[in-house]
C-alpha atoms as a PDB file:
ATOM      1  CA  MET A   1       0.000   0.000   0.000  1.00  0.00           C
ATOM      2  CA  ASP A   2       2.889   2.371   0.781  1.00  0.00           C
ATOM      3  CA  LEU A   3       4.247   2.098  -2.751  1.00  0.00           C
ATOM      4  CA  VAL A   4       0.801   2.548  -4.314  1.00  0.00           C
ATOM      5  CA  ILE A   5       0.369   5.820  -2.410  1.00  0.00           C
ATOM      6  CA  LEU A   6       3.864   7.048  -3.327  1.00  0.00           C
ATOM      7  CA  ASP A   7       3.265   6.282  -7.006  1.00  0.00           C
ATOM      8  CA  PHE A   8      -0.103   8.061  -6.859  1.00  0.00           C
ATOM      9  CA  VAL A   9       1.514  11.155  -5.337  1.00  0.00           C
ATOM     10  CA  ARG A  10       4.260  11.162  -7.971  1.00  0.00           C
ATOM     11  CA  GLU A  11       1.799  10.804 -10.837  1.00  0.00           C
ATOM     12  CA  HIS A  12      -0.927  13.220  -9.721  1.00  0.00           C
ATOM     13  CA  PHE A  13       0.415  15.909  -7.416  1.00  0.00           C
ATOM     14  CA  GLN A  14       3.885  16.936  -8.477  1.00  0.00           C
ATOM     15  CA  SER A  15       4.327  20.500  -9.696  1.00  0.00           C
ATOM     16  CA  GLY A  16       6.754  23.352  -9.239  1.00  0.00           C
ATOM     17  CA  ALA A  17       4.518  25.078  -6.700  1.00  0.00           C
ATOM     18  CA  ALA A  18       3.954  21.853  -4.747  1.00  0.00           C
ATOM     19  CA  ASP A  19       7.710  21.180  -4.783  1.00  0.00           C
ATOM     20  CA  ALA A  20       8.391  24.585  -3.241  1.00  0.00           C
ATOM     21  CA  ALA A  21       5.612  24.273  -0.666  1.00  0.00           C
ATOM     22  CA  ALA A  22       6.748  20.781   0.385  1.00  0.00           C
ATOM     23  CA  ARG A  23      10.333  21.950   0.823  1.00  0.00           C
ATOM     24  CA  VAL A  24       9.283  24.884   3.024  1.00  0.00           C
ATOM     25  CA  VAL A  25       6.810  22.923   5.157  1.00  0.00           C
ATOM     26  CA  SER A  26       9.269  20.056   5.609  1.00  0.00           C
ATOM     27  CA  PHE A  27      12.037  22.469   6.620  1.00  0.00           C
ATOM     28  CA  LEU A  28       9.779  24.232   9.125  1.00  0.00           C
ATOM     29  CA  GLY A  29       8.567  20.924  10.569  1.00  0.00           C
ATOM     30  CA  GLY A  30      11.835  20.054  12.244  1.00  0.00           C
ATOM     31  CA  ALA A  31      12.506  20.532  15.940  1.00  0.00           C
ATOM     32  CA  VAL A  32      13.898  24.064  15.624  1.00  0.00           C
ATOM     33  CA  ILE A  33      10.591  25.821  14.942  1.00  0.00           C
ATOM     34  CA  TRP A  34       8.901  23.975  17.802  1.00  0.00           C
ATOM     35  CA  LEU A  35      11.715  24.869  20.188  1.00  0.00           C
ATOM     36  CA  ILE A  36      11.447  28.524  19.142  1.00  0.00           C
ATOM     37  CA  ILE A  37       7.709  28.433  19.880  1.00  0.00           C
ATOM     38  CA  ALA A  38       8.474  26.791  23.239  1.00  0.00           C
ATOM     39  CA  GLY A  39      10.978  29.538  23.998  1.00  0.00           C
ATOM     40  CA  VAL A  40       8.451  32.246  23.157  1.00  0.00           C
ATOM     41  CA  LEU A  41       5.869  30.607  25.430  1.00  0.00           C
ATOM     42  CA  CYS A  42       8.393  30.620  28.266  1.00  0.00           C
ATOM     43  CA  PHE A  43       8.477  34.446  28.182  1.00  0.00           C
ATOM     44  CA  PHE A  44       4.861  34.556  29.336  1.00  0.00           C
ATOM     45  CA  LYS A  45       4.214  33.592  32.942  1.00  0.00           C
ATOM     46  CA  ASP A  46       0.829  31.986  32.186  1.00  0.00           C
ATOM     47  CA  TYR A  47       2.339  29.820  29.428  1.00  0.00           C
ATOM     48  CA  ARG A  48       5.799  29.064  30.845  1.00  0.00           C
ATOM     49  CA  VAL A  49       4.848  25.538  31.901  1.00  0.00           C
ATOM     50  CA  TRP A  50       3.417  24.940  28.425  1.00  0.00           C
ATOM     51  CA  GLY A  51       6.662  26.115  26.840  1.00  0.00           C
ATOM     52  CA  ILE A  52       8.612  23.673  28.973  1.00  0.00           C
ATOM     53  CA  ALA A  53       6.122  20.904  28.153  1.00  0.00           C
ATOM     54  CA  LEU A  54       6.341  21.696  24.449  1.00  0.00           C
ATOM     55  CA  ALA A  55      10.139  21.601  24.419  1.00  0.00           C
ATOM     56  CA  SER A  56      10.122  18.382  26.461  1.00  0.00           C
ATOM     57  CA  ALA A  57       7.612  16.695  24.156  1.00  0.00           C
ATOM     58  CA  VAL A  58       9.466  17.662  20.978  1.00  0.00           C
ATOM     59  CA  LEU A  59      12.830  16.564  22.344  1.00  0.00           C
ATOM     60  CA  LEU A  60      11.445  13.290  23.718  1.00  0.00           C
ATOM     61  CA  SER A  61       9.754  12.444  20.419  1.00  0.00           C
ATOM     62  CA  ALA A  62      13.000  13.207  18.572  1.00  0.00           C
ATOM     63  CA  MET A  63      14.999  10.968  20.917  1.00  0.00           C
ATOM     64  CA  LEU A  64      12.502   8.116  20.697  1.00  0.00           C
ATOM     65  CA  SER A  65      12.299   8.229  16.908  1.00  0.00           C
ATOM     66  CA  GLU A  66      15.978   8.898  16.151  1.00  0.00           C
ATOM     67  CA  PHE A  67      17.730   6.869  18.843  1.00  0.00           C
ATOM     68  CA  ALA A  68      15.288   4.138  19.870  1.00  0.00           C
ATOM     69  CA  LEU A  69      13.174   3.190  16.865  1.00  0.00           C
ATOM     70  CA  LYS A  70      15.124   4.069  13.704  1.00  0.00           C
ATOM     71  CA  PRO A  71      18.305   2.181  14.639  1.00  0.00           C
ATOM     72  CA  PHE A  72      16.240  -0.826  15.693  1.00  0.00           C
ATOM     73  CA  ILE A  73      13.989  -0.990  12.608  1.00  0.00           C
ATOM     74  CA  MET A  74      16.496   0.228   9.961  1.00  0.00           C
ATOM     75  CA  ARG A  75      13.976   0.639   7.119  1.00  0.00           C
ATOM     76  CA  GLU A  76      15.495   2.060   3.951  1.00  0.00           C
ATOM     77  CA  ARG A  77      14.001   5.270   2.635  1.00  0.00           C
ATOM     78  CA  PRO A  78      11.772   5.050  -0.453  1.00  0.00           C
ATOM     79  CA  PHE A  79      14.098   7.059  -2.690  1.00  0.00           C
ATOM     80  CA  ILE A  80      16.818   4.499  -1.996  1.00  0.00           C
ATOM     81  CA  THR A  81      14.685   1.372  -2.353  1.00  0.00           C
ATOM     82  CA  HIS A  82      12.701   2.508  -5.394  1.00  0.00           C
ATOM     83  CA  GLY A  83      15.043   5.015  -7.031  1.00  0.00           C
ATOM     84  CA  PHE A  84      12.675   7.984  -6.780  1.00  0.00           C
ATOM     85  CA  PRO A  85      14.354  11.245  -7.779  1.00  0.00           C
ATOM     86  CA  LEU A  86      14.913  13.684  -4.919  1.00  0.00           C
ATOM     87  CA  ILE A  87      14.310  17.436  -4.949  1.00  0.00           C
ATOM     88  CA  VAL A  88      15.893  17.878  -1.509  1.00  0.00           C
ATOM     89  CA  LYS A  89      19.206  16.874  -0.002  1.00  0.00           C
ATOM     90  CA  ALA A  90      19.123  13.182   0.877  1.00  0.00           C
ATOM     91  CA  PRO A  91      18.351  12.805   4.591  1.00  0.00           C
ATOM     92  CA  TYR A  92      20.550  10.617   6.737  1.00  0.00           C
ATOM     93  CA  GLY A  93      19.406   7.628   8.710  1.00  0.00           C
ATOM     94  CA  SER A  94      16.613   5.200   8.223  1.00  0.00           C
ATOM     95  CA  SER A  95      13.004   5.872   7.384  1.00  0.00           C
ATOM     96  CA  PHE A  96      10.760   4.462  10.113  1.00  0.00           C
ATOM     97  CA  PRO A  97       9.266   6.391  11.853  1.00  0.00           C
ATOM     98  CA  SER A  98       9.235   9.934  10.463  1.00  0.00           C
ATOM     99  CA  SER A  99      10.995  12.029  13.078  1.00  0.00           C
ATOM    100  CA  HIS A 100       9.816  15.305  11.502  1.00  0.00           C
ATOM    101  CA  THR A 101       6.224  14.110  11.805  1.00  0.00           C
ATOM    102  CA  ALA A 102       6.714  12.829  15.352  1.00  0.00           C
ATOM    103  CA  GLN A 103       8.190  16.144  16.486  1.00  0.00           C
ATOM    104  CA  SER A 104       5.462  18.136  14.759  1.00  0.00           C
ATOM    105  CA  PHE A 105       2.625  16.112  16.261  1.00  0.00           C
ATOM    106  CA  ALA A 106       4.237  16.193  19.709  1.00  0.00           C
ATOM    107  CA  GLY A 107       4.422  19.976  19.433  1.00  0.00           C
ATOM    108  CA  ALA A 108       0.943  20.364  17.965  1.00  0.00           C
ATOM    109  CA  VAL A 109      -0.799  18.181  20.545  1.00  0.00           C
ATOM    110  CA  THR A 110       1.017  19.967  23.371  1.00  0.00           C
ATOM    111  CA  LEU A 111      -0.031  23.349  21.944  1.00  0.00           C
ATOM    112  CA  PHE A 112      -3.581  22.023  21.694  1.00  0.00           C
ATOM    113  CA  GLY A 113      -3.441  21.399  25.434  1.00  0.00           C
ATOM    114  CA  ALA A 114      -2.352  24.993  26.032  1.00  0.00           C
ATOM    115  CA  ARG A 115      -4.817  26.659  23.645  1.00  0.00           C
ATOM    116  CA  ARG A 116      -7.205  24.776  21.401  1.00  0.00           C
ATOM    117  CA  LEU A 117      -7.140  27.404  18.641  1.00  0.00           C
ATOM    118  CA  TRP A 118      -3.339  27.421  18.455  1.00  0.00           C
ATOM    119  CA  GLY A 119      -3.302  23.652  18.664  1.00  0.00           C
ATOM    120  CA  GLY A 120      -5.872  23.282  15.905  1.00  0.00           C
ATOM    121  CA  TYR A 121      -3.707  25.256  13.518  1.00  0.00           C
ATOM    122  CA  ALA A 122      -0.636  23.383  14.711  1.00  0.00           C
ATOM    123  CA  VAL A 123      -2.270  19.995  14.051  1.00  0.00           C
ATOM    124  CA  ILE A 124      -3.075  21.089  10.495  1.00  0.00           C
ATOM    125  CA  PHE A 125       0.545  22.173  10.104  1.00  0.00           C
ATOM    126  CA  ALA A 126       1.800  18.864  11.562  1.00  0.00           C
ATOM    127  CA  ALA A 127      -0.333  16.947   9.055  1.00  0.00           C
ATOM    128  CA  GLY A 128       1.197  19.097   6.324  1.00  0.00           C
ATOM    129  CA  VAL A 129       4.667  18.206   7.559  1.00  0.00           C
ATOM    130  CA  GLY A 130       3.833  14.517   7.300  1.00  0.00           C
ATOM    131  CA  LEU A 131       2.374  14.941   3.823  1.00  0.00           C
ATOM    132  CA  SER A 132       5.445  16.906   2.739  1.00  0.00           C
ATOM    133  CA  ARG A 133       7.715  14.056   3.822  1.00  0.00           C
ATOM    134  CA  ILE A 134       5.691  11.667   1.640  1.00  0.00           C
ATOM    135  CA  TYR A 135       5.623  14.136  -1.256  1.00  0.00           C
ATOM    136  CA  LEU A 136       9.401  14.555  -1.093  1.00  0.00           C
ATOM    137  CA  MET A 137       9.792  10.742  -1.275  1.00  0.00           C
ATOM    138  CA  VAL A 138      11.881  10.609   1.893  1.00  0.00           C
ATOM    139  CA  HIS A 139       9.283   8.610   3.870  1.00  0.00           C
ATOM    140  CA  TYR A 140       6.673   5.970   3.238  1.00  0.00           C
ATOM    141  CA  PRO A 141       3.119   6.791   4.340  1.00  0.00           C
ATOM    142  CA  SER A 142       3.409   4.195   7.132  1.00  0.00           C
ATOM    143  CA  ASP A 143       6.533   6.010   8.416  1.00  0.00           C
ATOM    144  CA  VAL A 144       4.513   9.215   8.628  1.00  0.00           C
ATOM    145  CA  LEU A 145       1.557   7.502  10.297  1.00  0.00           C
ATOM    146  CA  ALA A 146       3.854   5.935  12.896  1.00  0.00           C
ATOM    147  CA  GLY A 147       5.530   9.292  13.489  1.00  0.00           C
ATOM    148  CA  ALA A 148       2.142  10.961  13.959  1.00  0.00           C
ATOM    149  CA  VAL A 149       1.047   8.323  16.469  1.00  0.00           C
ATOM    150  CA  LEU A 150       4.337   8.507  18.370  1.00  0.00           C
ATOM    151  CA  GLY A 151       4.298  12.302  18.467  1.00  0.00           C
ATOM    152  CA  ALA A 152       0.638  12.493  19.461  1.00  0.00           C
ATOM    153  CA  ALA A 153       1.236  10.014  22.291  1.00  0.00           C
ATOM    154  CA  VAL A 154       4.175  12.040  23.608  1.00  0.00           C
ATOM    155  CA  GLY A 155       2.128  15.237  23.273  1.00  0.00           C
ATOM    156  CA  ILE A 156      -0.771  13.688  25.193  1.00  0.00           C
ATOM    157  CA  ALA A 157       1.662  12.652  27.927  1.00  0.00           C
ATOM    158  CA  ALA A 158       2.996  16.227  28.107  1.00  0.00           C
ATOM    159  CA  VAL A 159      -0.523  17.663  28.357  1.00  0.00           C
ATOM    160  CA  PHE A 160      -1.404  15.105  31.021  1.00  0.00           C
ATOM    161  CA  ALA A 161       1.712  16.058  32.987  1.00  0.00           C
ATOM    162  CA  VAL A 162       0.837  19.761  32.890  1.00  0.00           C
ATOM    163  CA  LYS A 163      -2.806  19.167  33.810  1.00  0.00           C
ATOM    164  CA  ARG A 164      -1.747  16.952  36.744  1.00  0.00           C
ATOM    165  CA  GLY A 165       0.742  19.534  37.976  1.00  0.00           C
ATOM    166  CA  VAL A 166       3.850  17.407  37.386  1.00  0.00           C
ATOM    167  CA  LYS A 167       7.001  19.554  37.683  1.00  0.00           C
ATOM    168  CA  LEU A 168       8.741  19.516  34.307  1.00  0.00           C
END
């Protein structure tokens, strides 16, 4: 099913504008933007705990995906296995799960806990990050789905910790 979806994306959605949008969204979906948002939240007394929770969730999801799951699973990326042409620099490491997607969903779900409106927009952005990783042929759809589930779970844990008054 992964390959069917990748072929469908390649055949029906590729364009110059989509290439540019996917590059930008994928770039913004890494940990840096989420850590900047966390830092901004920390400047406001009412949101300081949410900033700490956001940074913690993003960093934990990155560690779990990059250092626990990817080295264990070692799935080759689709552009390597199937020879898809790349329009971005080839990422390092293995494919499963998508760390960009995990970080984005961890950040988005945590923001949703802080403010539903912010979180709603962030979840849409996180979904866009996942779709961009598929579009760029650097992840299989199942990599993105696993990253979304991992990130959402970490984000839910961060929200739970804040709501329960756990010191982060």
